[in-house]
């Protein structure tokens, strides 16, 4: 009887200990990130911003239901990441996963209708099911609410019908940065001021629709005429110059120069040549010629030169060309158009980290030149199969009648976008007239021959990087989308918008937030040869060995009991 009671007390003690361990485990979560790239570790900037949250954050993730495997993986990664945020924020982060087909709690309509109204772009996929093929509409978005703020976060920037593992990996790597950026906007809602220059023929028509809509979400954007203003105020964080068509005067260049010397940031998208696709709609060929913008000496002083040439690349977008039929009913076929190159990033900077291809149109090459104290970083460059043609260049639609000669495309990594950083020296150092200095002094400004703090300027050699096409049927398109491939199998939105935003964020935001873009998700593929050679061994380790161990344990247990109780 005493042994029986002792046995029951032991079981009771074990249950109490087990219950206490579970209670303590539910109160305190401890995880060890053993991954090489610290996949499950959030940055110090994210931890700091979570400490500033003084109210609950409601997060709704629209990745639930019967979705393709790639997006299911993205949903699982999102769930893991949000659990980390919840643990680090003392449970201020509340999240749920729902299907966009569900009805909203407080309205008689579907979530997907609200998402589209908020600017979400669904991804239409064709997936394989038991009954055959089925069309799926995916909304890889997150709806974040904090106090009276709300924001829609896109987890996946691609919109192709073919979802690649690399794109999913990039989406996972960028997840922390996107949430950190949203939380920072909630806690510090002040928007930096951006000046959009329009005094030298920069476009202000429908081509800038997506540019304006994109920038105004996170910045206060103002138009600014350099010619009519005495100087560029320091209240502007960035001066944007997009595809100017008229020559800059020395007075305008001096204003730009001194804005940079005082610590201002400049973002330029420049077309050195006049070459427009619209001209080819009316005649079979056009001549690309120099715009003569008078910016060469200014940029040369800072460390770059935009050449008067055109970059042609075998890695390029498509255009429809008449390949047969009659004049009244021509037969069209989509062919590569080498004047529409697609530029790669080398993942060598926070601006181009995890960035997809950026589409250009009639792009010039850039050379870097010596500039003391200036660091130069190539942000975008051509593929390994590119070439340049000098001016005057004749561009003809008849070029695509024959396939391009690959042997002519021998140049590689031709720069088309460069970041310059450091203490700049003024173009007008030792050459500015005293009366100009006196005029500046009268306006409350002092001429600076050199910058006293580190400055930044980004120069890209294509104004069309950040401009959009417009369709008669659909209106203005997103930047990075080709009007001529709209509705075809080649329709795709390239990463032009992301490149623009990355440039602005680097020039205006906190360095700690930008560093969150450096996170990587490494896709480690199995060695197929080694798998084939060692397949049987690992099958035995995973399947056969556990069975052998259990049988061995049973044999030993029976042997011990038999020896113990046989007397």
Protein backbone atom coordinates (compact mmCIF):
# COMPACT_ATOMS: atom_id res chain seq x y z
CA UNK A 1 0.00 0.00 0.00
CA UNK A 2 2.85 2.37 0.86
CA UNK A 3 4.57 1.66 -2.45
CA UNK A 4 1.33 2.30 -4.34
CA UNK A 5 0.87 5.66 -2.58
CA UNK A 6 4.46 6.62 -3.27
CA UNK A 7 3.96 5.70 -6.94
CA UNK A 8 0.88 7.92 -7.18
CA UNK A 9 2.69 10.83 -5.49
CA UNK A 10 5.53 10.53 -7.98
CA UNK A 11 3.07 10.74 -10.88
CA UNK A 12 1.36 13.76 -9.29
CA UNK A 13 4.72 15.48 -8.79
CA UNK A 14 5.65 14.83 -12.41
CA UNK A 15 2.35 16.30 -13.66
CA UNK A 16 2.82 19.43 -11.53
CA UNK A 17 6.36 19.91 -12.86
CA UNK A 18 5.16 19.37 -16.43
CA UNK A 19 2.38 21.96 -15.97
CA UNK A 20 4.78 24.53 -14.49
CA UNK A 21 7.23 24.06 -17.35
CA UNK A 22 4.46 24.65 -19.90
CA UNK A 23 3.25 27.76 -18.06
CA UNK A 24 6.76 29.21 -17.92
CA UNK A 25 7.31 28.35 -21.60
CA UNK A 26 4.13 30.22 -22.56
CA UNK A 27 5.27 33.31 -20.65
CA UNK A 28 8.86 33.41 -21.83
CA UNK A 29 9.82 32.53 -25.42
CA UNK A 30 13.44 31.84 -26.19
CA UNK A 31 14.67 31.14 -29.70
CA UNK A 32 18.12 30.59 -31.10
CA UNK A 33 18.78 31.68 -34.68
CA UNK A 34 21.32 29.22 -36.07
CA UNK A 35 20.94 30.27 -39.72
CA UNK A 36 24.02 31.74 -41.40
CA UNK A 37 22.21 34.85 -42.69
CA UNK A 38 20.32 35.35 -39.36
CA UNK A 39 16.98 34.79 -41.03
CA UNK A 40 15.03 34.87 -37.76
CA UNK A 41 16.82 37.82 -36.16
CA UNK A 42 15.42 41.34 -36.49
CA UNK A 43 17.64 44.40 -36.72
CA UNK A 44 18.30 46.93 -33.96
CA UNK A 45 16.32 49.55 -35.91
CA UNK A 46 13.24 47.29 -35.84
CA UNK A 47 13.64 46.65 -32.11
CA UNK A 48 13.96 50.39 -31.47
CA UNK A 49 10.86 51.30 -33.48
CA UNK A 50 8.82 48.61 -31.68
CA UNK A 51 9.68 50.32 -28.37
CA UNK A 52 8.08 53.54 -29.67
CA UNK A 53 4.72 51.84 -30.32
CA UNK A 54 2.33 52.94 -27.57
CA UNK A 55 -0.78 51.26 -28.94
CA UNK A 56 -1.76 47.99 -30.58
CA UNK A 57 -0.94 47.36 -34.23
CA UNK A 58 -3.55 45.35 -36.14
CA UNK A 59 -2.15 43.39 -39.08
CA UNK A 60 -4.28 41.51 -41.60
CA UNK A 61 -2.47 39.20 -44.03
CA UNK A 62 -4.37 38.17 -47.18
CA UNK A 63 -2.54 34.91 -47.81
CA UNK A 64 -4.89 32.14 -46.74
CA UNK A 65 -6.73 29.37 -48.50
CA UNK A 66 -5.81 27.25 -51.50
CA UNK A 67 -2.86 29.25 -52.81
CA UNK A 68 0.17 28.11 -54.87
CA UNK A 69 3.13 26.62 -53.05
CA UNK A 70 5.37 29.67 -53.57
CA UNK A 71 2.90 31.99 -51.89
CA UNK A 72 2.20 29.42 -49.19
CA UNK A 73 5.91 29.55 -48.38
CA UNK A 74 5.69 33.35 -48.30
CA UNK A 75 2.68 33.09 -45.96
CA UNK A 76 4.61 30.78 -43.61
CA UNK A 77 7.58 33.16 -43.56
CA UNK A 78 5.24 36.09 -42.86
CA UNK A 79 3.68 34.18 -39.97
CA UNK A 80 7.11 33.41 -38.48
CA UNK A 81 8.21 37.03 -38.82
CA UNK A 82 5.04 38.44 -37.25
CA UNK A 83 5.40 36.05 -34.33
CA UNK A 84 8.90 37.46 -33.73
CA UNK A 85 7.49 41.01 -33.85
CA UNK A 86 4.74 40.05 -31.42
CA UNK A 87 7.25 38.60 -28.95
CA UNK A 88 9.57 41.62 -29.19
CA UNK A 89 6.73 44.16 -28.81
CA UNK A 90 5.17 42.73 -25.63
CA UNK A 91 2.21 41.48 -27.67
CA UNK A 92 1.38 44.91 -29.13
CA UNK A 93 1.42 43.28 -32.58
CA UNK A 94 -1.88 41.52 -33.33
CA UNK A 95 -2.17 39.65 -36.62
CA UNK A 96 -4.47 37.32 -38.48
CA UNK A 97 -4.54 35.54 -41.85
CA UNK A 98 -7.71 35.70 -43.92
CA UNK A 99 -8.76 35.12 -47.51
CA UNK A 100 -9.48 38.20 -49.67
CA UNK A 101 -12.70 36.40 -50.68
CA UNK A 102 -14.08 36.86 -47.15
CA UNK A 103 -16.63 39.52 -46.34
CA UNK A 104 -15.47 42.46 -44.25
CA UNK A 105 -16.56 42.54 -40.62
CA UNK A 106 -18.26 45.93 -40.74
CA UNK A 107 -19.39 46.12 -44.36
CA UNK A 108 -21.35 44.03 -46.80
CA UNK A 109 -18.49 43.70 -49.29
CA UNK A 110 -15.45 41.56 -49.90
CA UNK A 111 -11.97 42.42 -48.72
CA UNK A 112 -10.65 42.15 -52.27
CA UNK A 113 -12.88 45.02 -53.40
CA UNK A 114 -11.48 47.23 -50.66
CA UNK A 115 -7.92 46.18 -51.49
CA UNK A 116 -8.33 47.14 -55.14
CA UNK A 117 -9.84 50.48 -54.11
CA UNK A 118 -6.77 51.09 -51.92
CA UNK A 119 -4.44 50.50 -54.86
CA UNK A 120 -3.62 46.80 -54.53
CA UNK A 121 -2.80 45.02 -57.78
CA UNK A 122 -3.81 41.33 -57.71
CA UNK A 123 -1.73 38.63 -59.36
CA UNK A 124 -3.59 36.33 -61.74
CA UNK A 125 -2.12 32.84 -61.77
CA UNK A 126 -3.05 29.61 -63.51
CA UNK A 127 -2.49 26.70 -61.11
CA UNK A 128 -2.74 22.95 -61.59
CA UNK A 129 -5.55 21.21 -59.67
CA UNK A 130 -7.06 17.69 -59.77
CA UNK A 131 -9.74 18.78 -62.22
CA UNK A 132 -7.18 20.40 -64.53
CA UNK A 133 -6.18 24.07 -64.46
CA UNK A 134 -7.75 26.79 -62.38
CA UNK A 135 -7.34 30.57 -62.37
CA UNK A 136 -6.29 32.02 -59.03
CA UNK A 137 -6.28 35.65 -57.97
CA UNK A 138 -3.63 36.28 -55.31
CA UNK A 139 -3.41 39.36 -53.10
CA UNK A 140 0.06 39.21 -51.48
CA UNK A 141 -0.70 42.21 -49.29
CA UNK A 142 -0.76 43.13 -45.63
CA UNK A 143 -3.14 45.72 -44.16
CA UNK A 144 -1.59 47.47 -41.16
CA UNK A 145 -3.59 49.69 -38.76
CA UNK A 146 -2.16 51.79 -35.94
CA UNK A 147 -4.27 54.40 -34.12
CA UNK A 148 -5.72 56.56 -36.91
CA UNK A 149 -3.10 55.41 -39.44
CA UNK A 150 -3.34 52.57 -41.91
CA UNK A 151 -1.12 51.36 -44.72
CA UNK A 152 -1.13 48.64 -47.33
CA UNK A 153 2.14 46.72 -47.64
CA UNK A 154 2.92 44.66 -50.73
CA UNK A 155 4.81 41.51 -49.78
CA UNK A 156 5.60 40.58 -53.37
CA UNK A 157 6.63 43.14 -55.99
CA UNK A 158 6.44 40.91 -59.08
CA UNK A 159 3.34 40.50 -61.21
CA UNK A 160 4.38 37.83 -63.66
CA UNK A 161 2.32 34.72 -64.29
CA UNK A 162 5.52 32.72 -63.76
CA UNK A 163 6.53 32.90 -60.09
CA UNK A 164 10.21 32.15 -59.54
CA UNK A 165 11.82 31.00 -56.31
CA UNK A 166 14.27 33.91 -56.52
CA UNK A 167 11.38 36.40 -56.46
CA UNK A 168 9.84 34.68 -53.44
CA UNK A 169 13.24 34.74 -51.69
CA UNK A 170 13.64 38.45 -52.45
CA UNK A 171 10.16 39.09 -51.05
CA UNK A 172 11.08 37.28 -47.84
CA UNK A 173 14.37 39.17 -47.56
CA UNK A 174 12.60 42.54 -47.98
CA UNK A 175 9.83 41.78 -45.47
CA UNK A 176 11.48 43.32 -42.40
CA UNK A 177 12.40 46.48 -44.31
CA UNK A 178 8.83 47.01 -45.52
CA UNK A 179 7.33 46.59 -42.04
CA UNK A 180 10.04 48.75 -40.48
CA UNK A 181 9.35 51.50 -43.02
CA UNK A 182 5.60 51.38 -42.26
CA UNK A 183 6.12 51.45 -38.47
CA UNK A 184 8.56 54.35 -38.81
CA UNK A 185 5.95 56.27 -40.80
CA UNK A 186 3.39 55.65 -38.05
CA UNK A 187 5.69 56.78 -35.24
CA UNK A 188 7.36 59.66 -37.12
CA UNK A 189 4.72 60.86 -39.62
CA UNK A 190 6.58 63.97 -40.88
CA UNK A 191 7.24 63.72 -44.62
CA UNK A 192 10.50 64.96 -46.20
CA UNK A 193 10.14 67.74 -48.79
CA UNK A 194 11.07 66.98 -52.40
CA UNK A 195 11.51 69.62 -55.12
CA UNK A 196 10.58 68.58 -58.67
CA UNK A 197 12.34 70.90 -61.10
CA UNK A 198 10.34 71.98 -64.14
CA UNK A 199 12.14 75.10 -65.41
CA UNK A 200 14.05 73.38 -68.22
CA UNK A 201 11.39 71.51 -70.13
CA UNK A 202 10.93 68.67 -67.64
CA UNK A 203 7.65 66.81 -68.27
CA UNK A 204 4.60 67.75 -66.21
CA UNK A 205 2.01 65.89 -68.31
CA UNK A 206 0.36 62.46 -67.99
CA UNK A 207 3.78 60.79 -68.21
CA UNK A 208 4.47 61.89 -64.64
CA UNK A 209 1.20 60.51 -63.22
CA UNK A 210 2.68 57.44 -61.55
CA UNK A 211 5.76 59.39 -60.50
CA UNK A 212 3.66 61.95 -58.63
CA UNK A 213 1.34 59.34 -57.12
CA UNK A 214 4.26 57.24 -55.95
CA UNK A 215 6.24 60.08 -54.37
CA UNK A 216 3.29 61.79 -52.67
CA UNK A 217 2.56 58.72 -50.53
CA UNK A 218 5.69 59.23 -48.44
CA UNK A 219 6.93 62.72 -49.32
CA UNK A 220 5.75 66.30 -49.65
CA UNK A 221 6.32 67.03 -53.34
CA UNK A 222 6.60 70.57 -54.71
CA UNK A 223 7.25 71.82 -58.23
CA UNK A 224 10.18 74.22 -58.38
CA UNK A 225 11.36 76.53 -61.17
CA UNK A 226 15.13 76.95 -60.80
CA UNK A 227 15.18 79.82 -63.31
CA UNK A 228 12.69 82.00 -61.41
CA UNK A 229 13.88 81.32 -57.85
CA UNK A 230 16.90 83.07 -56.35
CA UNK A 231 18.19 79.85 -54.76
CA UNK A 232 17.10 76.34 -53.82
CA UNK A 233 15.94 76.39 -50.17
CA UNK A 234 17.56 74.00 -47.71
CA UNK A 235 14.09 72.92 -46.55
CA UNK A 236 14.08 70.60 -49.57
CA UNK A 237 15.79 67.30 -48.84
CA UNK A 238 16.12 66.35 -52.52
CA UNK A 239 16.08 68.20 -55.82
CA UNK A 240 14.72 66.01 -58.63
CA UNK A 241 15.57 66.70 -62.27
CA UNK A 242 13.73 64.41 -64.69
CA UNK A 243 14.32 64.41 -68.44
CA UNK A 244 15.05 68.11 -69.08
CA UNK A 245 14.75 69.23 -72.69
CA UNK A 246 16.11 72.81 -72.51
CA UNK A 247 19.66 73.98 -71.90
CA UNK A 248 20.68 74.95 -68.36
CA UNK A 249 22.16 78.39 -67.84
CA UNK A 250 25.24 79.04 -65.72
CA UNK A 251 23.05 80.76 -63.13
CA UNK A 252 20.84 77.64 -62.82
CA UNK A 253 23.88 75.38 -62.56
CA UNK A 254 25.33 77.61 -59.83
CA UNK A 255 22.10 77.21 -57.81
CA UNK A 256 22.29 73.43 -58.17
CA UNK A 257 25.99 73.47 -57.31
CA UNK A 258 25.52 75.51 -54.13
CA UNK A 259 22.52 73.44 -53.03
CA UNK A 260 24.79 70.39 -53.17
CA UNK A 261 27.61 72.25 -51.37
CA UNK A 262 25.22 73.11 -48.51
CA UNK A 263 24.39 69.43 -48.03
CA UNK A 264 21.38 69.09 -50.31
CA UNK A 265 20.77 65.87 -52.25
CA UNK A 266 20.21 65.75 -56.03
CA UNK A 267 18.49 62.99 -58.04
CA UNK A 268 18.87 63.27 -61.81
CA UNK A 269 17.31 61.24 -64.64
CA UNK A 270 18.88 62.73 -67.75
CA UNK A 271 18.45 61.99 -71.47
CA UNK A 272 21.53 63.38 -73.20
CA UNK A 273 20.12 62.47 -76.61
CA UNK A 274 16.81 63.32 -78.21
CA UNK A 275 15.34 59.95 -79.20
CA UNK A 276 11.63 59.20 -78.70
CA UNK A 277 9.64 56.10 -79.62
CA UNK A 278 6.70 58.25 -80.73
CA UNK A 279 8.76 59.51 -83.68
CA UNK A 280 8.97 55.95 -85.04
CA UNK A 281 5.18 55.75 -85.18
CA UNK A 282 5.17 58.20 -88.08
CA UNK A 283 8.31 57.24 -89.97
CA UNK A 284 10.44 54.10 -90.19
CA UNK A 285 13.57 55.69 -88.72
CA UNK A 286 14.80 58.59 -86.63
CA UNK A 287 18.10 60.32 -85.89
CA UNK A 288 19.16 60.56 -82.25
CA UNK A 289 20.98 63.84 -81.58
CA UNK A 290 22.50 65.71 -78.67
CA UNK A 291 20.11 67.79 -76.54
CA UNK A 292 23.04 70.06 -75.54
CA UNK A 293 21.83 70.46 -71.95
CA UNK A 294 25.07 72.14 -70.81
CA UNK A 295 25.43 69.83 -67.81
CA UNK A 296 28.57 67.98 -68.90
CA UNK A 297 31.08 70.17 -67.03
CA UNK A 298 28.98 70.16 -63.84
CA UNK A 299 28.65 66.37 -63.71
CA UNK A 300 32.29 65.92 -64.79
CA UNK A 301 33.40 67.99 -61.80
CA UNK A 302 31.43 65.69 -59.50
CA UNK A 303 32.87 62.51 -61.02
CA UNK A 304 30.74 61.28 -63.95
CA UNK A 305 30.15 61.93 -67.63
CA UNK A 306 26.96 61.05 -69.50
CA UNK A 307 28.01 60.10 -73.01
CA UNK A 308 26.25 61.06 -76.22
CA UNK A 309 25.63 57.48 -77.28
CA UNK A 310 22.97 54.78 -76.97
CA UNK A 311 23.20 51.49 -75.09
CA UNK A 312 21.95 48.43 -76.96
CA UNK A 313 21.55 45.15 -75.11
CA UNK A 314 20.51 41.59 -75.96
CA UNK A 315 18.76 41.60 -72.58
CA UNK A 316 15.86 43.82 -73.55
CA UNK A 317 12.11 44.28 -73.67
CA UNK A 318 9.78 43.43 -76.57
CA UNK A 319 8.10 45.47 -79.30
CA UNK A 320 5.51 44.41 -81.91
CA UNK A 321 6.91 44.48 -85.44
CA UNK A 322 5.19 43.92 -88.78
CA UNK A 323 6.73 40.72 -90.17
CA UNK A 324 4.26 39.90 -92.93
CA UNK A 325 0.75 40.30 -94.24
CA UNK A 326 -0.36 43.24 -96.32
CA UNK A 327 -0.18 46.98 -95.83
CA UNK A 328 -3.87 47.04 -94.92
CA UNK A 329 -3.65 43.96 -92.65
CA UNK A 330 -0.07 43.58 -91.42
CA UNK A 331 0.97 40.54 -89.41
CA UNK A 332 2.67 41.50 -86.15
CA UNK A 333 5.12 39.54 -84.02
CA UNK A 334 6.79 40.47 -80.71
CA UNK A 335 10.55 40.78 -81.11
CA UNK A 336 13.35 41.96 -78.86
CA UNK A 337 13.99 45.70 -79.23
CA UNK A 338 17.63 46.32 -78.29
CA UNK A 339 17.00 50.01 -77.65
CA UNK A 340 14.77 49.02 -74.69
CA UNK A 341 17.49 47.47 -72.47
CA UNK A 342 16.74 45.82 -69.12
CA UNK A 343 19.33 46.74 -66.53
CA UNK A 344 20.63 44.58 -63.73
CA UNK A 345 21.71 45.54 -60.24
CA UNK A 346 24.80 43.94 -58.74
CA UNK A 347 23.33 43.95 -55.21
CA UNK A 348 26.32 46.05 -54.17
CA UNK A 349 24.39 48.75 -52.30
CA UNK A 350 21.30 49.19 -50.17
CA UNK A 351 19.62 51.03 -53.07
CA UNK A 352 19.78 48.10 -55.48
CA UNK A 353 19.67 45.24 -52.97
CA UNK A 354 17.12 42.60 -54.00
CA UNK A 355 16.07 44.79 -56.93
CA UNK A 356 14.62 43.29 -60.11
CA UNK A 357 15.32 44.38 -63.67
CA UNK A 358 14.85 48.08 -64.48
CA UNK A 359 13.52 48.95 -67.93
CA UNK A 360 15.01 51.76 -70.00
CA UNK A 361 14.32 53.44 -73.34
CA UNK A 362 17.10 54.87 -75.52
CA UNK A 363 19.60 55.02 -72.67
CA UNK A 364 23.04 56.69 -72.66
CA UNK A 365 26.13 55.17 -71.11
CA UNK A 366 27.96 56.74 -68.16
CA UNK A 367 31.69 56.99 -67.51
CA UNK A 368 33.13 57.64 -64.07
CA UNK A 369 36.00 60.14 -63.90
CA UNK A 370 38.43 61.10 -61.17
CA UNK A 371 37.02 63.37 -58.46
CA UNK A 372 39.00 63.71 -55.25
CA UNK A 373 37.19 62.61 -52.11
CA UNK A 374 34.16 61.22 -53.97
CA UNK A 375 32.99 57.62 -53.67
CA UNK A 376 31.31 56.25 -56.78
CA UNK A 377 28.90 53.28 -56.74
CA UNK A 378 27.44 51.77 -59.91
CA UNK A 379 23.74 51.16 -59.20
CA UNK A 380 22.58 49.88 -62.60
CA UNK A 381 24.48 48.46 -65.53
CA UNK A 382 23.97 46.47 -68.70
CA UNK A 383 24.20 42.71 -69.10
CA UNK A 384 27.28 40.93 -70.41
CA UNK A 385 25.98 41.20 -73.98
CA UNK A 386 25.70 44.89 -74.76
CA UNK A 387 27.17 47.55 -77.01
CA UNK A 388 27.06 51.31 -77.54
CA UNK A 389 26.54 53.26 -80.75
CA UNK A 390 27.71 56.85 -81.16
CA UNK A 391 25.88 59.88 -82.49
CA UNK A 392 24.42 60.88 -84.76
CA UNK A 393 22.70 57.50 -84.49
CA UNK A 394 20.08 56.34 -86.96
CA UNK A 395 17.41 54.19 -85.30
CA UNK A 396 15.38 52.15 -87.73
CA UNK A 397 12.49 49.73 -87.29
CA UNK A 398 13.99 47.71 -90.13
CA UNK A 399 16.85 46.67 -87.84
CA UNK A 400 14.67 43.90 -86.41
CA UNK A 401 14.07 42.25 -89.75
CA UNK A 402 17.21 40.27 -89.09
CA UNK A 403 18.32 38.80 -85.77
CA UNK A 404 21.01 40.90 -84.08
CA UNK A 405 24.58 39.73 -84.55
CA UNK A 406 25.55 38.49 -81.09
CA UNK A 407 29.24 38.97 -81.86
CA UNK A 408 28.69 42.75 -81.94
CA UNK A 409 27.38 42.76 -78.34
CA UNK A 410 30.70 42.23 -76.56
CA UNK A 411 30.61 44.97 -73.91
CA UNK A 412 29.51 44.14 -70.39
CA UNK A 413 28.42 46.02 -67.29
CA UNK A 414 28.01 49.40 -69.01
CA UNK A 415 27.03 51.84 -66.21
CA UNK A 416 23.77 53.75 -66.55
CA UNK A 417 23.13 54.89 -62.95
CA UNK A 418 25.77 56.05 -60.46
CA UNK A 419 25.70 57.19 -56.82
CA UNK A 420 28.25 59.85 -55.85
CA UNK A 421 29.02 60.52 -52.17
CA UNK A 422 31.51 62.65 -50.30
CA UNK A 423 32.65 66.26 -49.89
CA UNK A 424 32.17 67.82 -53.31
CA UNK A 425 34.17 70.66 -54.79
CA UNK A 426 32.27 73.45 -56.54
CA UNK A 427 32.44 73.76 -60.33
CA UNK A 428 32.88 77.53 -59.89
CA UNK A 429 35.75 77.37 -57.41
CA UNK A 430 38.35 80.08 -58.25
CA UNK A 431 36.29 81.26 -61.23
CA UNK A 432 33.19 82.94 -59.81
CA UNK A 433 32.93 86.71 -60.25
CA UNK A 434 32.89 88.96 -57.18
CA UNK A 435 29.61 90.59 -58.21
CA UNK A 436 27.93 87.17 -58.15
CA UNK A 437 29.27 86.56 -54.64
CA UNK A 438 27.96 89.97 -53.59
CA UNK A 439 24.56 89.17 -55.12
CA UNK A 440 24.40 85.90 -53.18
CA UNK A 441 25.43 87.71 -50.00
CA UNK A 442 22.57 90.16 -50.48
CA UNK A 443 20.17 87.20 -50.58
CA UNK A 444 21.54 85.87 -47.30
CA UNK A 445 23.76 83.20 -48.85
CA UNK A 446 27.50 82.69 -48.79
CA UNK A 447 29.30 81.12 -51.71
CA UNK A 448 30.82 77.76 -50.73
CA UNK A 449 33.82 76.59 -52.80
CA UNK A 450 33.56 73.15 -51.17
CA UNK A 451 30.90 71.23 -49.28
CA UNK A 452 31.40 71.23 -45.54
CA UNK A 453 29.40 68.03 -45.02
CA UNK A 454 29.08 64.84 -47.04
CA UNK A 455 26.71 65.24 -49.96
CA UNK A 456 24.95 62.75 -52.23
CA UNK A 457 23.92 62.87 -55.87
CA UNK A 458 22.46 60.07 -58.01
CA UNK A 459 22.73 60.39 -61.78
CA UNK A 460 20.87 58.04 -64.14
CA UNK A 461 21.18 58.38 -67.91
CA UNK A 462 17.53 57.84 -68.85
CA UNK A 463 14.59 60.09 -68.04
CA UNK A 464 12.14 57.34 -68.98
CA UNK A 465 13.22 55.28 -65.95
CA UNK A 466 10.63 57.17 -63.87
CA UNK A 467 8.05 58.16 -66.50
CA UNK A 468 4.99 56.12 -67.45
CA UNK A 469 3.26 55.25 -70.70
CA UNK A 470 -0.44 55.96 -71.17
CA UNK A 471 -3.06 53.77 -72.84
CA UNK A 472 -6.20 55.10 -74.49
CA UNK A 473 -8.13 52.26 -72.87
CA UNK A 474 -6.53 52.06 -69.41
CA UNK A 475 -5.10 55.56 -68.98
CA UNK A 476 -1.70 56.07 -67.33
CA UNK A 477 0.21 52.85 -66.71
CA UNK A 478 2.62 52.15 -63.85
CA UNK A 479 6.21 53.15 -64.52
CA UNK A 480 8.26 50.22 -65.75
CA UNK A 481 5.40 48.83 -67.87
CA UNK A 482 5.66 48.79 -71.65
CA UNK A 483 2.61 50.14 -73.48
CA UNK A 484 3.37 48.00 -76.54
CA UNK A 485 3.32 44.68 -74.63
CA UNK A 486 0.14 45.51 -72.71
CA UNK A 487 -2.28 42.58 -72.80
CA UNK A 488 0.28 40.21 -74.35
CA UNK A 489 2.20 37.33 -72.80
CA UNK A 490 5.15 39.71 -72.45
CA UNK A 491 3.31 42.18 -70.22
CA UNK A 492 5.37 42.82 -67.09
CA UNK A 493 5.94 45.63 -64.64
CA UNK A 494 9.66 46.06 -64.08
CA UNK A 495 11.28 47.42 -60.93
CA UNK A 496 11.49 51.10 -61.99
CA UNK A 497 9.18 52.26 -59.22
CA UNK A 498 11.18 50.36 -56.59
CA UNK A 499 14.41 51.88 -57.92
CA UNK A 500 13.00 55.41 -57.65
CA UNK A 501 11.72 54.84 -54.10
CA UNK A 502 14.99 53.24 -53.04
CA UNK A 503 16.92 56.25 -54.31
CA UNK A 504 14.67 58.70 -52.46
CA UNK A 505 14.71 56.64 -49.28
CA UNK A 506 18.49 56.48 -49.28
CA UNK A 507 18.77 60.23 -49.84
CA UNK A 508 16.24 61.16 -47.15
CA UNK A 509 15.76 58.40 -44.57
CA UNK A 510 17.68 57.19 -41.56
CA UNK A 511 20.68 55.03 -42.37
CA UNK A 512 19.57 52.38 -39.87
CA UNK A 513 16.28 51.87 -41.71
CA UNK A 514 17.97 51.61 -45.08
CA UNK A 515 20.36 48.98 -43.71
CA UNK A 516 17.39 46.64 -43.21
CA UNK A 517 17.39 46.24 -47.01
CA UNK A 518 20.67 44.32 -46.75
CA UNK A 519 18.99 41.24 -45.34
CA UNK A 520 19.27 38.18 -47.56
CA UNK A 521 17.46 34.88 -47.91
CA UNK A 522 19.93 32.43 -49.41
CA UNK A 523 18.42 29.73 -51.61
CA UNK A 524 20.51 26.65 -50.96
CA UNK A 525 19.98 24.05 -53.65
CA UNK A 526 20.70 20.37 -53.14
CA UNK A 527 23.64 18.80 -54.93
CA UNK A 528 21.76 16.48 -57.29
CA UNK A 529 24.83 14.28 -57.95
CA UNK A 530 25.46 13.79 -54.25
CA UNK A 531 21.77 13.14 -53.61
CA UNK A 532 21.76 10.36 -56.18
CA UNK A 533 24.94 8.78 -54.79
CA UNK A 534 23.88 8.87 -51.11
CA UNK A 535 20.12 8.41 -51.51
CA UNK A 536 20.00 4.84 -50.16
CA UNK A 537 22.17 5.69 -47.14
CA UNK A 538 20.01 8.61 -46.03
CA UNK A 539 16.80 6.68 -46.68
CA UNK A 540 18.07 4.02 -44.25
CA UNK A 541 19.07 6.69 -41.68
CA UNK A 542 15.63 8.34 -41.79
CA UNK A 543 13.42 5.25 -42.18
CA UNK A 544 15.29 2.06 -41.36
CA UNK A 545 17.46 3.17 -38.42
CA UNK A 546 14.54 4.28 -36.16
CA UNK A 547 12.89 0.85 -36.70
CA UNK A 548 16.15 -0.96 -35.87
CA UNK A 549 16.65 1.10 -32.71
CA UNK A 550 13.11 0.44 -31.48
CA UNK A 551 13.49 -3.31 -32.16
CA UNK A 552 16.85 -3.33 -30.35
CA UNK A 553 15.34 -1.51 -27.39
CA UNK A 554 12.48 -4.03 -27.26
CA UNK A 555 14.88 -6.96 -27.38
CA UNK A 556 17.08 -5.54 -24.60
CA UNK A 557 14.06 -4.63 -22.47
CA UNK A 558 12.63 -8.17 -22.80
CA UNK A 559 16.04 -9.72 -22.07
CA UNK A 560 16.52 -7.65 -18.88
CA UNK A 561 13.02 -8.41 -17.61
CA UNK A 562 13.43 -12.12 -18.30
CA UNK A 563 16.74 -12.21 -16.45
CA UNK A 564 15.39 -10.17 -13.55
CA UNK A 565 12.19 -12.11 -12.89
CA UNK A 566 13.46 -15.60 -13.74
CA UNK A 567 14.71 -17.23 -10.56
